[in-house]
């Protein structure tokens, strides 16, 4: 009974170890890619760049004179530019995490193989 349990455990462990790279680069990579795209979309929605762009020419605080319109335009333009820069940084971060996800197993195997034995 103990030998069957041991054989089953090591058989499952070996099977999982052999299937791990296929899972990592198929289903796991697809989920990581979906996370990256979803993260970028969520950040775009959180920053509300579309709303700021839609209201670019709307004066803030009901200031309909030319000074209020000018200040409102430049304040909103600065907000849009700053939020877009932050979104670009977030996109670079999400893509870098996805690339790191793809490279990580290869790097681990490479460094394990290149370790000196003594």
N, C-alpha and C. Protein backbone atom coordinates (compact mmCIF):
# COMPACT_ATOMS: atom_id res chain seq x y z
N UNK A 1 0.81 -1.18 0.00
CA UNK A 1 0.00 0.00 0.00
C UNK A 1 0.87 1.26 0.00
N UNK A 2 1.90 1.25 0.84
CA UNK A 2 2.78 2.41 0.90
C UNK A 2 3.53 2.59 -0.41
N UNK A 3 3.95 1.49 -1.03
CA UNK A 3 4.67 1.60 -2.30
C UNK A 3 3.76 2.12 -3.40
N UNK A 4 2.49 1.75 -3.38
CA UNK A 4 1.54 2.26 -4.37
C UNK A 4 1.33 3.76 -4.19
N UNK A 5 1.21 4.17 -2.95
CA UNK A 5 1.05 5.60 -2.65
C UNK A 5 2.29 6.37 -3.08
N UNK A 6 3.45 5.83 -2.79
CA UNK A 6 4.70 6.48 -3.16
C UNK A 6 4.85 6.55 -4.68
N UNK A 7 4.53 5.45 -5.37
CA UNK A 7 4.64 5.40 -6.82
C UNK A 7 3.65 6.38 -7.45
N UNK A 8 2.43 6.45 -6.93
CA UNK A 8 1.43 7.37 -7.45
C UNK A 8 1.85 8.82 -7.23
N UNK A 9 2.38 9.11 -6.05
CA UNK A 9 2.81 10.47 -5.74
C UNK A 9 3.94 10.91 -6.66
N UNK A 10 4.96 10.07 -6.80
CA UNK A 10 6.08 10.43 -7.66
C UNK A 10 5.70 10.42 -9.13
N UNK A 11 4.76 9.55 -9.50
CA UNK A 11 4.27 9.54 -10.88
C UNK A 11 3.55 10.83 -11.21
N UNK A 12 2.70 11.28 -10.29
CA UNK A 12 2.00 12.55 -10.48
C UNK A 12 2.98 13.72 -10.51
N UNK A 13 3.95 13.68 -9.63
CA UNK A 13 4.96 14.74 -9.58
C UNK A 13 5.75 14.80 -10.87
N UNK A 14 6.15 13.64 -11.39
CA UNK A 14 6.89 13.60 -12.65
C UNK A 14 6.01 14.08 -13.80
N UNK A 15 4.76 13.64 -13.82
CA UNK A 15 3.82 14.05 -14.87
C UNK A 15 3.61 15.57 -14.84
N UNK A 16 3.42 16.12 -13.66
CA UNK A 16 3.25 17.57 -13.54
C UNK A 16 4.51 18.32 -13.95
N UNK A 17 5.67 17.79 -13.62
CA UNK A 17 6.92 18.44 -14.01
C UNK A 17 7.10 18.42 -15.52
N UNK A 18 6.66 17.35 -16.17
CA UNK A 18 6.78 17.28 -17.63
C UNK A 18 5.77 18.18 -18.33
N UNK A 19 4.58 18.31 -17.77
CA UNK A 19 3.54 19.13 -18.39
C UNK A 19 3.65 20.61 -18.05
N UNK A 20 4.44 20.94 -17.04
CA UNK A 20 4.53 22.33 -16.60
C UNK A 20 4.93 23.29 -17.72
N UNK A 21 5.97 23.03 -18.52
CA UNK A 21 6.32 24.00 -19.57
C UNK A 21 5.20 24.20 -20.59
N UNK A 22 4.48 23.13 -20.92
CA UNK A 22 3.39 23.27 -21.88
C UNK A 22 2.27 24.15 -21.31
N UNK A 23 1.96 23.94 -20.03
CA UNK A 23 0.93 24.77 -19.41
C UNK A 23 1.41 26.23 -19.31
N UNK A 24 2.67 26.42 -18.91
CA UNK A 24 3.19 27.77 -18.69
C UNK A 24 3.13 28.60 -19.96
N UNK A 25 3.47 27.97 -21.09
CA UNK A 25 3.53 28.73 -22.33
C UNK A 25 2.24 28.65 -23.16
N UNK A 26 1.21 28.00 -22.67
CA UNK A 26 -0.07 27.99 -23.37
C UNK A 26 -1.14 28.67 -22.51
N UNK A 27 -1.73 27.93 -21.60
CA UNK A 27 -2.81 28.49 -20.78
C UNK A 27 -2.30 29.58 -19.83
N UNK A 28 -1.15 29.34 -19.23
CA UNK A 28 -0.60 30.33 -18.31
C UNK A 28 -0.25 31.63 -19.02
N UNK A 29 0.35 31.51 -20.21
CA UNK A 29 0.70 32.71 -20.97
C UNK A 29 -0.55 33.45 -21.43
N UNK A 30 -1.60 32.68 -21.80
CA UNK A 30 -2.84 33.32 -22.21
C UNK A 30 -3.47 34.09 -21.05
N UNK A 31 -3.45 33.51 -19.86
CA UNK A 31 -3.99 34.21 -18.70
C UNK A 31 -3.14 35.43 -18.33
N UNK A 32 -1.84 35.32 -18.46
CA UNK A 32 -0.97 36.47 -18.18
C UNK A 32 -1.21 37.58 -19.20
N UNK A 33 -1.42 37.21 -20.46
CA UNK A 33 -1.71 38.20 -21.49
C UNK A 33 -3.04 38.88 -21.23
N UNK A 34 -4.05 38.10 -20.84
CA UNK A 34 -5.35 38.68 -20.51
C UNK A 34 -5.24 39.61 -19.30
N UNK A 35 -4.42 39.23 -18.32
CA UNK A 35 -4.23 40.10 -17.17
C UNK A 35 -3.62 41.43 -17.60
N UNK A 36 -2.59 41.36 -18.47
CA UNK A 36 -1.92 42.59 -18.91
C UNK A 36 -2.90 43.50 -19.65
N UNK A 37 -3.67 42.93 -20.57
CA UNK A 37 -4.64 43.75 -21.31
C UNK A 37 -5.72 44.30 -20.37
N UNK A 38 -6.21 43.47 -19.48
CA UNK A 38 -7.23 43.92 -18.53
C UNK A 38 -6.70 44.99 -17.59
N UNK A 39 -5.46 44.85 -17.20
CA UNK A 39 -4.85 45.84 -16.31
C UNK A 39 -4.72 47.19 -17.02
N UNK A 40 -4.32 47.16 -18.27
CA UNK A 40 -4.21 48.41 -19.04
C UNK A 40 -5.59 49.03 -19.23
N UNK A 41 -6.59 48.21 -19.54
CA UNK A 41 -7.96 48.73 -19.70
C UNK A 41 -8.51 49.30 -18.40
N UNK A 42 -8.26 48.61 -17.29
CA UNK A 42 -8.73 49.12 -16.00
C UNK A 42 -8.06 50.44 -15.65
N UNK A 43 -6.78 50.54 -15.95
CA UNK A 43 -6.07 51.79 -15.65
C UNK A 43 -6.58 52.93 -16.53
N UNK A 44 -6.88 52.62 -17.80
CA UNK A 44 -7.45 53.63 -18.69
C UNK A 44 -8.79 54.12 -18.14
N UNK A 45 -9.62 53.19 -17.70
CA UNK A 45 -10.92 53.57 -17.13
C UNK A 45 -10.75 54.34 -15.82
N UNK A 46 -9.78 53.94 -15.01
CA UNK A 46 -9.57 54.61 -13.73
C UNK A 46 -9.08 56.04 -13.93
N UNK A 47 -8.24 56.25 -14.92
CA UNK A 47 -7.70 57.59 -15.17
C UNK A 47 -8.70 58.50 -15.87
N UNK A 48 -9.74 57.93 -16.48
CA UNK A 48 -10.81 58.70 -17.12
C UNK A 48 -10.28 59.68 -18.18
N UNK A 49 -9.37 59.24 -19.00
CA UNK A 49 -8.79 60.11 -20.03
C UNK A 49 -9.86 60.53 -21.03
N UNK A 50 -10.78 59.62 -21.35
CA UNK A 50 -11.85 59.95 -22.30
C UNK A 50 -12.75 61.05 -21.78
N UNK A 51 -13.08 61.00 -20.50
CA UNK A 51 -13.93 62.04 -19.91
C UNK A 51 -13.21 63.39 -19.89
N UNK A 52 -11.94 63.38 -19.55
CA UNK A 52 -11.17 64.63 -19.55
C UNK A 52 -11.09 65.21 -20.96
N UNK A 53 -10.93 64.34 -21.96
CA UNK A 53 -10.85 64.81 -23.34
C UNK A 53 -12.20 65.36 -23.81
N UNK A 54 -13.28 64.69 -23.42
CA UNK A 54 -14.61 65.14 -23.81
C UNK A 54 -14.92 66.53 -23.25
N UNK A 55 -14.45 66.81 -22.06
CA UNK A 55 -14.73 68.09 -21.41
C UNK A 55 -13.59 69.10 -21.55
N UNK A 56 -12.74 68.91 -22.53
CA UNK A 56 -11.57 69.79 -22.68
C UNK A 56 -11.97 71.25 -22.87
N UNK A 57 -13.02 71.50 -23.64
CA UNK A 57 -13.41 72.89 -23.92
C UNK A 57 -14.54 73.39 -23.02
N UNK A 58 -14.89 72.62 -22.00
CA UNK A 58 -15.92 73.06 -21.05
C UNK A 58 -15.26 73.85 -19.93
N UNK A 59 -15.73 75.03 -19.64
CA UNK A 59 -15.10 75.82 -18.58
C UNK A 59 -15.36 75.20 -17.21
N UNK A 60 -14.37 75.30 -16.34
CA UNK A 60 -14.48 74.75 -15.00
C UNK A 60 -15.17 75.76 -14.10
N UNK A 61 -15.94 75.23 -13.14
CA UNK A 61 -16.59 76.02 -12.09
C UNK A 61 -17.51 77.11 -12.66
N UNK A 62 -18.04 76.90 -13.87
CA UNK A 62 -18.97 77.87 -14.44
C UNK A 62 -18.33 79.20 -14.81
N UNK A 63 -17.03 79.24 -15.00
CA UNK A 63 -16.32 80.46 -15.38
C UNK A 63 -16.38 80.62 -16.89
N UNK A 64 -17.39 81.32 -17.39
CA UNK A 64 -17.61 81.42 -18.83
C UNK A 64 -16.92 82.62 -19.45
N UNK A 65 -16.14 83.38 -18.69
CA UNK A 65 -15.39 84.48 -19.31
C UNK A 65 -14.16 83.88 -19.99
N UNK A 66 -13.45 84.70 -20.76
CA UNK A 66 -12.34 84.17 -21.55
C UNK A 66 -11.20 83.71 -20.67
N UNK A 67 -10.98 84.34 -19.51
CA UNK A 67 -9.91 83.90 -18.61
C UNK A 67 -10.23 82.52 -18.03
N UNK A 68 -11.47 82.31 -17.63
CA UNK A 68 -11.88 81.02 -17.08
C UNK A 68 -11.77 79.91 -18.12
N UNK A 69 -12.18 80.23 -19.35
CA UNK A 69 -12.08 79.23 -20.43
C UNK A 69 -10.62 78.89 -20.73
N UNK A 70 -9.76 79.91 -20.74
CA UNK A 70 -8.34 79.69 -21.03
C UNK A 70 -7.68 78.86 -19.94
N UNK A 71 -7.93 79.22 -18.69
CA UNK A 71 -7.34 78.47 -17.57
C UNK A 71 -7.87 77.04 -17.54
N UNK A 72 -9.17 76.88 -17.78
CA UNK A 72 -9.77 75.55 -17.78
C UNK A 72 -9.18 74.68 -18.88
N UNK A 73 -9.00 75.26 -20.06
CA UNK A 73 -8.44 74.51 -21.18
C UNK A 73 -7.04 74.01 -20.84
N UNK A 74 -6.19 74.89 -20.35
CA UNK A 74 -4.80 74.48 -20.08
C UNK A 74 -4.69 73.54 -18.88
N UNK A 75 -5.56 73.71 -17.89
CA UNK A 75 -5.55 72.79 -16.74
C UNK A 75 -5.98 71.39 -17.18
N UNK A 76 -7.02 71.32 -17.98
CA UNK A 76 -7.47 70.02 -18.47
C UNK A 76 -6.46 69.41 -19.42
N UNK A 77 -5.84 70.23 -20.23
CA UNK A 77 -4.81 69.72 -21.14
C UNK A 77 -3.63 69.15 -20.35
N UNK A 78 -3.23 69.84 -19.29
CA UNK A 78 -2.15 69.33 -18.44
C UNK A 78 -2.56 68.02 -17.77
N UNK A 79 -3.81 67.93 -17.33
CA UNK A 79 -4.31 66.70 -16.73
C UNK A 79 -4.29 65.54 -17.74
N UNK A 80 -4.74 65.81 -18.95
CA UNK A 80 -4.77 64.77 -19.99
C UNK A 80 -3.36 64.30 -20.30
N UNK A 81 -2.44 65.22 -20.46
CA UNK A 81 -1.06 64.85 -20.78
C UNK A 81 -0.44 64.05 -19.63
N UNK A 82 -0.63 64.50 -18.40
CA UNK A 82 -0.09 63.79 -17.25
C UNK A 82 -0.68 62.40 -17.09
N UNK A 83 -1.98 62.28 -17.27
CA UNK A 83 -2.64 60.98 -17.16
C UNK A 83 -2.22 60.05 -18.30
N UNK A 84 -2.03 60.60 -19.49
CA UNK A 84 -1.59 59.78 -20.62
C UNK A 84 -0.16 59.29 -20.40
N UNK A 85 0.70 60.12 -19.86
CA UNK A 85 2.07 59.70 -19.55
C UNK A 85 2.05 58.59 -18.52
N UNK A 86 1.21 58.74 -17.49
CA UNK A 86 1.09 57.68 -16.49
C UNK A 86 0.56 56.39 -17.11
N UNK A 87 -0.40 56.50 -18.03
CA UNK A 87 -0.92 55.32 -18.71
C UNK A 87 0.16 54.65 -19.55
N UNK A 88 0.99 55.42 -20.22
CA UNK A 88 2.10 54.84 -21.00
C UNK A 88 3.08 54.11 -20.09
N UNK A 89 3.37 54.69 -18.94
CA UNK A 89 4.26 54.04 -17.98
C UNK A 89 3.63 52.74 -17.50
N UNK A 90 2.33 52.76 -17.22
CA UNK A 90 1.65 51.54 -16.78
C UNK A 90 1.65 50.48 -17.88
N UNK A 91 1.47 50.90 -19.14
CA UNK A 91 1.51 49.96 -20.25
C UNK A 91 2.88 49.31 -20.37
N UNK A 92 3.93 50.10 -20.23
CA UNK A 92 5.29 49.55 -20.28
C UNK A 92 5.50 48.57 -19.14
N UNK A 93 4.99 48.90 -17.96
CA UNK A 93 5.12 48.02 -16.80
C UNK A 93 4.37 46.70 -17.04
N UNK A 94 3.15 46.76 -17.55
CA UNK A 94 2.36 45.55 -17.78
C UNK A 94 3.00 44.68 -18.85
N UNK A 95 3.50 45.28 -19.93
CA UNK A 95 4.17 44.51 -20.98
C UNK A 95 5.47 43.91 -20.45
N UNK A 96 6.20 44.65 -19.64
CA UNK A 96 7.43 44.13 -19.05
C UNK A 96 7.15 42.95 -18.13
N UNK A 97 6.07 43.01 -17.36
CA UNK A 97 5.70 41.87 -16.51
C UNK A 97 5.33 40.66 -17.36
N UNK A 98 4.63 40.87 -18.45
CA UNK A 98 4.27 39.75 -19.33
C UNK A 98 5.52 39.14 -19.96
N UNK A 99 6.44 39.95 -20.40
CA UNK A 99 7.69 39.44 -20.98
C UNK A 99 8.50 38.72 -19.91
N UNK A 100 8.53 39.25 -18.70
CA UNK A 100 9.24 38.58 -17.60
C UNK A 100 8.60 37.23 -17.31
N UNK A 101 7.28 37.15 -17.39
CA UNK A 101 6.58 35.88 -17.21
C UNK A 101 7.05 34.86 -18.24
N UNK A 102 7.23 35.29 -19.47
CA UNK A 102 7.66 34.37 -20.52
C UNK A 102 9.12 33.97 -20.38
N UNK A 103 9.95 34.87 -19.90
CA UNK A 103 11.39 34.61 -19.82
C UNK A 103 11.79 33.86 -18.55
N UNK A 104 11.01 33.98 -17.50
CA UNK A 104 11.39 33.44 -16.19
C UNK A 104 11.78 31.97 -16.20
N UNK A 105 11.00 31.04 -16.75
CA UNK A 105 11.43 29.63 -16.72
C UNK A 105 12.71 29.38 -17.49
N UNK A 106 12.87 30.05 -18.61
CA UNK A 106 14.08 29.88 -19.41
C UNK A 106 15.29 30.37 -18.63
N UNK A 107 15.15 31.50 -17.96
CA UNK A 107 16.25 32.05 -17.16
C UNK A 107 16.60 31.12 -16.00
N UNK A 108 15.58 30.57 -15.35
CA UNK A 108 15.84 29.67 -14.22
C UNK A 108 16.59 28.43 -14.68
N UNK A 109 16.15 27.84 -15.78
CA UNK A 109 16.82 26.64 -16.30
C UNK A 109 18.24 26.98 -16.73
N UNK A 110 18.42 28.11 -17.38
CA UNK A 110 19.76 28.51 -17.82
C UNK A 110 20.70 28.67 -16.63
N UNK A 111 20.25 29.36 -15.60
CA UNK A 111 21.12 29.59 -14.45
C UNK A 111 21.34 28.32 -13.64
N UNK A 112 20.37 27.42 -13.62
CA UNK A 112 20.60 26.15 -12.95
C UNK A 112 21.61 25.29 -13.70
N UNK A 113 21.56 25.32 -15.02
CA UNK A 113 22.51 24.54 -15.82
C UNK A 113 23.90 25.16 -15.75
N UNK A 114 23.99 26.47 -15.70
CA UNK A 114 25.31 27.12 -15.71
C UNK A 114 25.96 27.19 -14.34
N UNK A 115 25.31 26.70 -13.30
CA UNK A 115 25.93 26.70 -11.98
C UNK A 115 27.13 25.75 -11.94
N UNK A 116 28.23 26.18 -11.36
CA UNK A 116 29.35 25.27 -11.23
C UNK A 116 29.02 24.19 -10.18
N UNK A 117 29.50 22.99 -10.44
CA UNK A 117 29.22 21.87 -9.52
C UNK A 117 30.08 21.93 -8.26
N UNK A 118 31.23 22.52 -8.35
CA UNK A 118 32.13 22.56 -7.19
C UNK A 118 32.46 23.97 -6.79
